C-alpha atoms as a PDB file:
ATOM      1  CA  GLY A   1      -0.656  32.280 -44.836  1.00  0.00           C
ATOM      2  CA  ASN A   2      -1.070  28.894 -46.535  1.00  0.00           C
ATOM      3  CA  VAL A   3      -4.776  28.515 -45.767  1.00  0.00           C
ATOM      4  CA  LEU A   4      -5.402  32.183 -46.586  1.00  0.00           C
ATOM      5  CA  THR A   5      -3.725  31.713 -49.967  1.00  0.00           C
ATOM      6  CA  LEU A   6      -5.906  28.714 -50.790  1.00  0.00           C
ATOM      7  CA  ALA A   7      -9.021  30.594 -49.706  1.00  0.00           C
ATOM      8  CA  GLU A   8      -8.201  33.748 -51.670  1.00  0.00           C
ATOM      9  CA  ARG A   9      -7.209  31.930 -54.861  1.00  0.00           C
ATOM     10  CA  CYS A  10     -10.526  30.096 -54.684  1.00  0.00           C
ATOM     11  CA  ARG A  11     -12.470  33.301 -53.971  1.00  0.00           C
ATOM     12  CA  TRP A  12     -10.860  35.121 -56.891  1.00  0.00           C
ATOM     13  CA  ARG A  13     -12.206  32.369 -59.142  1.00  0.00           C
ATOM     14  CA  GLY A  14     -15.672  32.293 -57.614  1.00  0.00           C
ATOM     15  CA  ILE A  15     -15.063  28.940 -55.919  1.00  0.00           C
ATOM     16  CA  ARG A  16     -16.658  28.548 -52.495  1.00  0.00           C
ATOM     17  CA  LEU A  17     -14.243  27.202 -49.882  1.00  0.00           C
ATOM     18  CA  ASP A  18     -15.363  26.395 -46.340  1.00  0.00           C
ATOM     19  CA  VAL A  19     -12.450  26.146 -43.878  1.00  0.00           C
ATOM     20  CA  LEU A  20     -12.817  23.731 -40.956  1.00  0.00           C
ATOM     21  CA  ALA A  21     -10.216  23.853 -38.173  1.00  0.00           C
ATOM     22  CA  VAL A  22      -9.685  20.390 -36.686  1.00  0.00           C
ATOM     23  CA  GLN A  23      -8.870  20.166 -32.979  1.00  0.00           C
ATOM     24  CA  PRO A  24      -7.658  17.094 -31.052  1.00  0.00           C
ATOM     25  CA  GLY A  25     -10.619  14.896 -30.217  1.00  0.00           C
ATOM     26  CA  ALA A  26     -12.679  16.097 -33.183  1.00  0.00           C
ATOM     27  CA  ASP A  27     -14.585  13.684 -35.385  1.00  0.00           C
ATOM     28  CA  VAL A  28     -13.879  14.377 -39.056  1.00  0.00           C
ATOM     29  CA  ASP A  29     -15.682  12.913 -42.059  1.00  0.00           C
ATOM     30  CA  TRP A  30     -12.609  12.689 -44.278  1.00  0.00           C
ATOM     31  CA  GLU A  31     -14.689  11.443 -47.208  1.00  0.00           C
ATOM     32  CA  ALA A  32     -16.414  14.842 -47.265  1.00  0.00           C
ATOM     33  CA  VAL A  33     -13.142  16.809 -47.197  1.00  0.00           C
ATOM     34  CA  ASP A  34     -11.911  18.187 -50.528  1.00  0.00           C
ATOM     35  CA  LEU A  35      -8.486  19.488 -49.454  1.00  0.00           C
ATOM     36  CA  ALA A  36      -6.443  19.210 -46.256  1.00  0.00           C
ATOM     37  CA  PHE A  37      -3.603  21.225 -44.737  1.00  0.00           C
ATOM     38  CA  PHE A  38      -1.394  20.207 -41.812  1.00  0.00           C
ATOM     39  CA  GLY A  39       1.062  22.647 -40.275  1.00  0.00           C
ATOM     40  CA  GLY A  40       4.020  22.166 -37.972  1.00  0.00           C
ATOM     41  CA  GLY A  41       4.996  22.796 -34.380  1.00  0.00           C
ATOM     42  CA  GLN A  42       7.436  21.898 -31.650  1.00  0.00           C
ATOM     43  CA  ASP A  43       8.328  18.273 -30.925  1.00  0.00           C
ATOM     44  CA  SER A  44       6.503  18.584 -27.594  1.00  0.00           C
ATOM     45  CA  GLY A  45       3.345  19.643 -29.416  1.00  0.00           C
ATOM     46  CA  GLN A  46       3.588  16.673 -31.747  1.00  0.00           C
ATOM     47  CA  ALA A  47       3.882  14.363 -28.768  1.00  0.00           C
ATOM     48  CA  LEU A  48       0.677  15.815 -27.292  1.00  0.00           C
ATOM     49  CA  ILE A  49      -1.430  15.161 -30.390  1.00  0.00           C
ATOM     50  CA  ALA A  50       0.280  12.082 -31.863  1.00  0.00           C
ATOM     51  CA  GLU A  51      -1.840   9.442 -30.129  1.00  0.00           C
ATOM     52  CA  ASP A  52      -5.133  11.192 -30.877  1.00  0.00           C
ATOM     53  CA  PHE A  53      -4.084  11.896 -34.463  1.00  0.00           C
ATOM     54  CA  VAL A  54      -2.936   8.343 -35.165  1.00  0.00           C
ATOM     55  CA  GLU A  55      -5.802   6.523 -33.465  1.00  0.00           C
ATOM     56  CA  ARG A  56      -8.734   8.853 -34.126  1.00  0.00           C
ATOM     57  CA  GLN A  57      -7.886  10.326 -37.527  1.00  0.00           C
ATOM     58  CA  GLY A  58      -5.375   7.838 -38.914  1.00  0.00           C
ATOM     59  CA  PRO A  59      -7.513   5.083 -40.498  1.00  0.00           C
ATOM     60  CA  ALA A  60     -10.006   7.360 -42.252  1.00  0.00           C
ATOM     61  CA  LEU A  61      -7.337   9.866 -43.275  1.00  0.00           C
ATOM     62  CA  ARG A  62      -5.170   7.111 -44.762  1.00  0.00           C
ATOM     63  CA  ALA A  63      -8.163   5.878 -46.748  1.00  0.00           C
ATOM     64  CA  ALA A  64      -8.896   9.394 -48.002  1.00  0.00           C
ATOM     65  CA  ILE A  65      -5.281   9.864 -49.112  1.00  0.00           C
ATOM     66  CA  GLU A  66      -5.434   6.519 -50.924  1.00  0.00           C
ATOM     67  CA  GLY A  67      -8.568   7.842 -52.597  1.00  0.00           C
ATOM     68  CA  GLY A  68      -6.727  10.899 -53.899  1.00  0.00           C
ATOM     69  CA  LEU A  69      -7.388  13.549 -51.238  1.00  0.00           C
ATOM     70  CA  PRO A  70      -5.243  16.608 -52.079  1.00  0.00           C
ATOM     71  CA  LEU A  71      -3.181  17.428 -49.023  1.00  0.00           C
ATOM     72  CA  LEU A  72      -0.267  19.622 -47.987  1.00  0.00           C
ATOM     73  CA  ALA A  73       1.619  18.788 -44.791  1.00  0.00           C
ATOM     74  CA  ILE A  74       4.545  20.904 -43.616  1.00  0.00           C
ATOM     75  CA  CYS A  75       7.272  20.062 -41.097  1.00  0.00           C
ATOM     76  CA  GLY A  76       5.623  18.394 -38.075  1.00  0.00           C
ATOM     77  CA  GLY A  77       2.534  17.565 -40.109  1.00  0.00           C
ATOM     78  CA  TYR A  78       4.763  15.952 -42.740  1.00  0.00           C
ATOM     79  CA  GLN A  79       6.480  13.853 -40.071  1.00  0.00           C
ATOM     80  CA  LEU A  80       3.184  12.644 -38.565  1.00  0.00           C
ATOM     81  CA  LEU A  81       1.999  11.410 -41.964  1.00  0.00           C
ATOM     82  CA  GLY A  82       4.999   9.073 -42.098  1.00  0.00           C
ATOM     83  CA  HIS A  83       5.690   5.870 -40.190  1.00  0.00           C
ATOM     84  CA  TYR A  84       7.337   7.445 -37.139  1.00  0.00           C
ATOM     85  CA  PHE A  85       9.469  10.284 -35.784  1.00  0.00           C
ATOM     86  CA  LEU A  86      12.346   9.268 -33.510  1.00  0.00           C
ATOM     87  CA  THR A  87      13.208  12.433 -31.569  1.00  0.00           C
ATOM     88  CA  HIS A  88      16.767  13.342 -30.633  1.00  0.00           C
ATOM     89  CA  THR A  89      15.939  12.360 -27.036  1.00  0.00           C
ATOM     90  CA  GLY A  90      14.967   8.851 -28.134  1.00  0.00           C
ATOM     91  CA  GLU A  91      11.168   9.219 -27.927  1.00  0.00           C
ATOM     92  CA  ARG A  92       9.406   7.414 -30.768  1.00  0.00           C
ATOM     93  CA  LEU A  93       6.301   9.261 -31.969  1.00  0.00           C
ATOM     94  CA  PRO A  94       4.069   7.153 -34.216  1.00  0.00           C
ATOM     95  CA  GLY A  95       2.734   8.451 -37.513  1.00  0.00           C
ATOM     96  CA  ILE A  96      -0.233   7.257 -39.531  1.00  0.00           C
ATOM     97  CA  GLY A  97       1.895   5.646 -42.240  1.00  0.00           C
ATOM     98  CA  ALA A  98       0.138   7.377 -45.126  1.00  0.00           C
ATOM     99  CA  LEU A  99       3.517   8.423 -46.556  1.00  0.00           C
ATOM    100  CA  ASP A 100       6.357   5.918 -46.851  1.00  0.00           C
ATOM    101  CA  VAL A 101       8.820   8.052 -44.891  1.00  0.00           C
ATOM    102  CA  HIS A 102      10.386   8.044 -41.437  1.00  0.00           C
ATOM    103  CA  THR A 103      12.097  10.820 -39.500  1.00  0.00           C
ATOM    104  CA  VAL A 104      15.026  10.833 -37.089  1.00  0.00           C
ATOM    105  CA  GLY A 105      15.757  13.864 -34.915  1.00  0.00           C
ATOM    106  CA  GLY A 106      19.186  15.475 -35.149  1.00  0.00           C
ATOM    107  CA  GLY A 107      21.181  17.476 -32.667  1.00  0.00           C
ATOM    108  CA  ARG A 108      21.483  20.455 -35.018  1.00  0.00           C
ATOM    109  CA  ARG A 109      18.597  22.288 -36.627  1.00  0.00           C
ATOM    110  CA  LEU A 110      18.577  22.746 -40.391  1.00  0.00           C
ATOM    111  CA  ILE A 111      17.697  26.411 -40.855  1.00  0.00           C
ATOM    112  CA  GLY A 112      17.719  28.776 -43.806  1.00  0.00           C
ATOM    113  CA  ASN A 113      16.288  29.634 -47.186  1.00  0.00           C
ATOM    114  CA  ILE A 114      15.677  26.750 -49.559  1.00  0.00           C
ATOM    115  CA  VAL A 115      15.232  26.524 -53.330  1.00  0.00           C
ATOM    116  CA  VAL A 116      13.888  23.345 -54.895  1.00  0.00           C
ATOM    117  CA  GLU A 117      13.435  22.230 -58.489  1.00  0.00           C
ATOM    118  CA  ALA A 118      10.110  20.436 -58.175  1.00  0.00           C
ATOM    119  CA  GLU A 119       7.827  18.485 -60.446  1.00  0.00           C
ATOM    120  CA  LEU A 120       4.107  19.108 -60.142  1.00  0.00           C
ATOM    121  CA  GLY A 121       1.354  17.622 -62.237  1.00  0.00           C
ATOM    122  CA  ALA A 122      -1.811  19.246 -63.512  1.00  0.00           C
ATOM    123  CA  GLY A 123      -4.369  16.847 -64.910  1.00  0.00           C
ATOM    124  CA  GLY A 124      -1.706  14.170 -65.140  1.00  0.00           C
ATOM    125  CA  THR A 125       0.758  16.357 -67.035  1.00  0.00           C
ATOM    126  CA  PRO A 126       4.014  16.841 -65.098  1.00  0.00           C
ATOM    127  CA  SER A 127       5.639  20.251 -65.120  1.00  0.00           C
ATOM    128  CA  LYS A 128       8.853  21.502 -63.556  1.00  0.00           C
ATOM    129  CA  VAL A 129       8.765  24.557 -61.318  1.00  0.00           C
ATOM    130  CA  THR A 130      11.339  26.210 -59.075  1.00  0.00           C
ATOM    131  CA  LEU A 131      10.040  26.713 -55.531  1.00  0.00           C
ATOM    132  CA  VAL A 132      11.409  28.890 -52.734  1.00  0.00           C
ATOM    133  CA  GLY A 133      10.817  28.790 -49.001  1.00  0.00           C
ATOM    134  CA  PHE A 134      12.362  28.772 -45.549  1.00  0.00           C
ATOM    135  CA  GLU A 135      13.181  25.650 -43.540  1.00  0.00           C
ATOM    136  CA  ASN A 136      13.701  25.207 -39.800  1.00  0.00           C
ATOM    137  CA  HIS A 137      13.671  21.596 -38.619  1.00  0.00           C
ATOM    138  CA  SER A 138      15.681  19.198 -36.493  1.00  0.00           C
ATOM    139  CA  GLY A 139      14.148  16.096 -38.064  1.00  0.00           C
ATOM    140  CA  ARG A 140      15.889  14.249 -40.880  1.00  0.00           C
ATOM    141  CA  THR A 141      13.301  12.578 -43.080  1.00  0.00           C
ATOM    142  CA  TYR A 142      14.153   9.599 -45.272  1.00  0.00           C
ATOM    143  CA  LEU A 143      11.985   8.411 -48.153  1.00  0.00           C
ATOM    144  CA  GLY A 144      10.912   4.853 -48.837  1.00  0.00           C
ATOM    145  CA  ALA A 145      10.105   3.295 -52.186  1.00  0.00           C
ATOM    146  CA  GLY A 146       6.412   4.155 -51.890  1.00  0.00           C
ATOM    147  CA  VAL A 147       6.860   7.902 -52.432  1.00  0.00           C
ATOM    148  CA  ARG A 148       8.761  10.195 -54.760  1.00  0.00           C
ATOM    149  CA  PRO A 149      10.538  13.376 -53.677  1.00  0.00           C
ATOM    150  CA  LEU A 150       8.773  16.659 -54.293  1.00  0.00           C
ATOM    151  CA  GLY A 151      11.978  17.925 -55.843  1.00  0.00           C
ATOM    152  CA  ARG A 152      15.730  18.350 -55.928  1.00  0.00           C
ATOM    153  CA  VAL A 153      17.422  20.817 -53.578  1.00  0.00           C
ATOM    154  CA  LEU A 154      19.289  23.635 -55.355  1.00  0.00           C
ATOM    155  CA  ALA A 155      20.032  25.561 -52.142  1.00  0.00           C
ATOM    156  CA  GLY A 156      19.426  24.580 -48.534  1.00  0.00           C
ATOM    157  CA  TYR A 157      19.092  21.239 -46.763  1.00  0.00           C
ATOM    158  CA  GLY A 158      15.786  19.605 -47.711  1.00  0.00           C
ATOM    159  CA  ASN A 159      14.624  16.327 -46.203  1.00  0.00           C
ATOM    160  CA  ASN A 160      17.823  15.430 -44.397  1.00  0.00           C
ATOM    161  CA  GLY A 161      20.759  17.482 -45.685  1.00  0.00           C
ATOM    162  CA  GLU A 162      22.282  14.350 -47.181  1.00  0.00           C
ATOM    163  CA  ASP A 163      20.545  13.011 -50.280  1.00  0.00           C
ATOM    164  CA  GLY A 164      19.578  16.258 -52.043  1.00  0.00           C
ATOM    165  CA  THR A 165      15.830  15.642 -51.888  1.00  0.00           C
ATOM    166  CA  GLU A 166      13.040  17.763 -50.452  1.00  0.00           C
ATOM    167  CA  GLY A 167       9.547  16.640 -49.597  1.00  0.00           C
ATOM    168  CA  ALA A 168       7.554  13.587 -50.534  1.00  0.00           C
ATOM    169  CA  VAL A 169       4.630  13.068 -52.902  1.00  0.00           C
ATOM    170  CA  TYR A 170       2.109  10.225 -52.870  1.00  0.00           C
ATOM    171  CA  ARG A 171      -0.974  10.413 -55.069  1.00  0.00           C
ATOM    172  CA  ASN A 172      -2.265  13.968 -54.404  1.00  0.00           C
ATOM    173  CA  ALA A 173      -0.583  14.318 -50.987  1.00  0.00           C
ATOM    174  CA  ILE A 174       2.506  16.500 -50.534  1.00  0.00           C
ATOM    175  CA  GLY A 175       4.718  16.658 -47.464  1.00  0.00           C
ATOM    176  CA  CYS A 176       7.679  19.034 -47.167  1.00  0.00           C
ATOM    177  CA  TYR A 177       9.766  21.265 -44.911  1.00  0.00           C
ATOM    178  CA  MET A 178       9.225  24.514 -46.836  1.00  0.00           C
ATOM    179  CA  HIS A 179       7.787  27.264 -44.623  1.00  0.00           C
ATOM    180  CA  GLY A 180       7.833  30.874 -45.495  1.00  0.00           C
ATOM    181  CA  SER A 181       4.826  30.531 -45.986  1.00  0.00           C
ATOM    182  CA  LEU A 182       5.045  28.078 -48.872  1.00  0.00           C
ATOM    183  CA  LEU A 183       1.873  28.853 -50.817  1.00  0.00           C
ATOM    184  CA  PRO A 184       2.016  32.688 -50.891  1.00  0.00           C
ATOM    185  CA  LYS A 185       5.540  32.416 -52.311  1.00  0.00           C
ATOM    186  CA  ASN A 186       4.661  29.594 -54.701  1.00  0.00           C
ATOM    187  CA  PRO A 187       1.179  29.993 -56.218  1.00  0.00           C
ATOM    188  CA  GLN A 188       1.842  27.038 -58.529  1.00  0.00           C
ATOM    189  CA  VAL A 189       1.589  24.670 -55.565  1.00  0.00           C
ATOM    190  CA  ALA A 190      -1.643  26.280 -54.370  1.00  0.00           C
ATOM    191  CA  ASP A 191      -3.200  25.879 -57.803  1.00  0.00           C
ATOM    192  CA  TYR A 192      -1.949  22.305 -58.065  1.00  0.00           C
ATOM    193  CA  LEU A 193      -3.846  21.475 -54.863  1.00  0.00           C
ATOM    194  CA  ILE A 194      -6.995  23.394 -55.808  1.00  0.00           C
ATOM    195  CA  GLY A 195      -7.015  21.850 -59.285  1.00  0.00           C
ATOM    196  CA  ALA A 196      -6.607  18.350 -57.873  1.00  0.00           C
ATOM    197  CA  ALA A 197      -9.487  18.990 -55.464  1.00  0.00           C
ATOM    198  CA  LEU A 198     -11.763  20.162 -58.278  1.00  0.00           C
ATOM    199  CA  ARG A 199     -10.960  17.168 -60.482  1.00  0.00           C
ATOM    200  CA  ARG A 200     -11.546  14.770 -57.603  1.00  0.00           C
ATOM    201  CA  ARG A 201     -14.923  16.350 -56.848  1.00  0.00           C
ATOM    202  CA  PHE A 202     -16.204  17.167 -60.342  1.00  0.00           C
ATOM    203  CA  GLY A 203     -14.260  14.900 -62.698  1.00  0.00           C
ATOM    204  CA  PRO A 204     -11.156  15.057 -64.911  1.00  0.00           C
ATOM    205  CA  ASP A 205     -12.435  17.888 -67.099  1.00  0.00           C
ATOM    206  CA  ALA A 206     -12.684  20.379 -64.224  1.00  0.00           C
ATOM    207  CA  ALA A 207     -10.227  23.203 -64.864  1.00  0.00           C
ATOM    208  CA  LEU A 208      -8.986  26.279 -63.027  1.00  0.00           C
ATOM    209  CA  ALA A 209      -9.573  29.706 -64.508  1.00  0.00           C
ATOM    210  CA  PRO A 210      -6.201  31.468 -64.921  1.00  0.00           C
ATOM    211  CA  LEU A 211      -5.224  34.309 -62.598  1.00  0.00           C
ATOM    212  CA  ASP A 212      -2.854  37.195 -63.212  1.00  0.00           C
ATOM    213  CA  ASP A 213       0.125  36.101 -61.109  1.00  0.00           C
ATOM    214  CA  THR A 214       2.562  38.669 -62.485  1.00  0.00           C
ATOM    215  CA  LEU A 215       3.392  40.116 -59.059  1.00  0.00           C
ATOM    216  CA  GLU A 216       3.570  36.743 -57.318  1.00  0.00           C
ATOM    217  CA  LEU A 217       5.829  35.172 -59.934  1.00  0.00           C
ATOM    218  CA  THR A 218       8.075  38.240 -60.112  1.00  0.00           C
ATOM    219  CA  ALA A 219       8.534  38.093 -56.337  1.00  0.00           C
ATOM    220  CA  GLN A 220       9.194  34.364 -56.552  1.00  0.00           C
ATOM    221  CA  ARG A 221      11.857  34.769 -59.242  1.00  0.00           C
ATOM    222  CA  THR A 222      13.522  37.562 -57.269  1.00  0.00           C
ATOM    223  CA  MET A 223      13.715  35.426 -54.129  1.00  0.00           C
ATOM    224  CA  VAL A 224      15.044  32.423 -56.045  1.00  0.00           C
ATOM    225  CA  GLU A 225      17.757  34.523 -57.682  1.00  0.00           C
ATOM    226  CA  ARG A 226      18.823  36.047 -54.357  1.00  0.00           C
ATOM    227  CA  VAL A 227      19.066  32.682 -52.611  1.00  0.00           C
ATOM    228  CA  LEU A 228      20.958  31.016 -55.458  1.00  0.00           C
ATOM    229  CA  ALA A 229      23.377  33.958 -55.704  1.00  0.00           C
ATOM    230  CA  ARG A 230      24.585  33.506 -52.100  1.00  0.00           C
END
């Protein structure tokens, strides 16, 4: 749903988007990538790809993120962009260290709808937006000084169920625990990523043509109201 949303919102604007699925062992020219998405999975799946991801993709991907690559990483992908994930069984899975976060596995999963008051920027201008999604994670992620939270939790657990934060933002990279899928429910985030990709490729004056998001935003408001009313 997330990749489809990015593709469709580009297509509706006449923007060509080529989607490349990256498999373990693949060689990726991250300097040629305009926008990246990383999904989640089980802890066992993360363990299978962690070494390949860190050693093969890590250095070039870190450099691309430093250079402003727009990126969305959810759940397991979010954890692998951090310094490490210490599972609840004591296994330490390395991350690439692109985000100043670390994750510790808990014995209880954090599951349910989540509403977050987030701050996104478009062309350097911050704007507040209320996001809605669904979270299902055992990891508790803690932010370091090198990132800012994506937003403040209004309902749900967020990063760790303790400090009221959800997600992490560094340059144009976003990590979070919001499934649902995130982008179909929150077109503002999709357009933030697409806009950042256009400006990085074509310069600061590149702008997105507006779309009629009446249905999407009505559905978003309805979901937010229902979750907050519980």
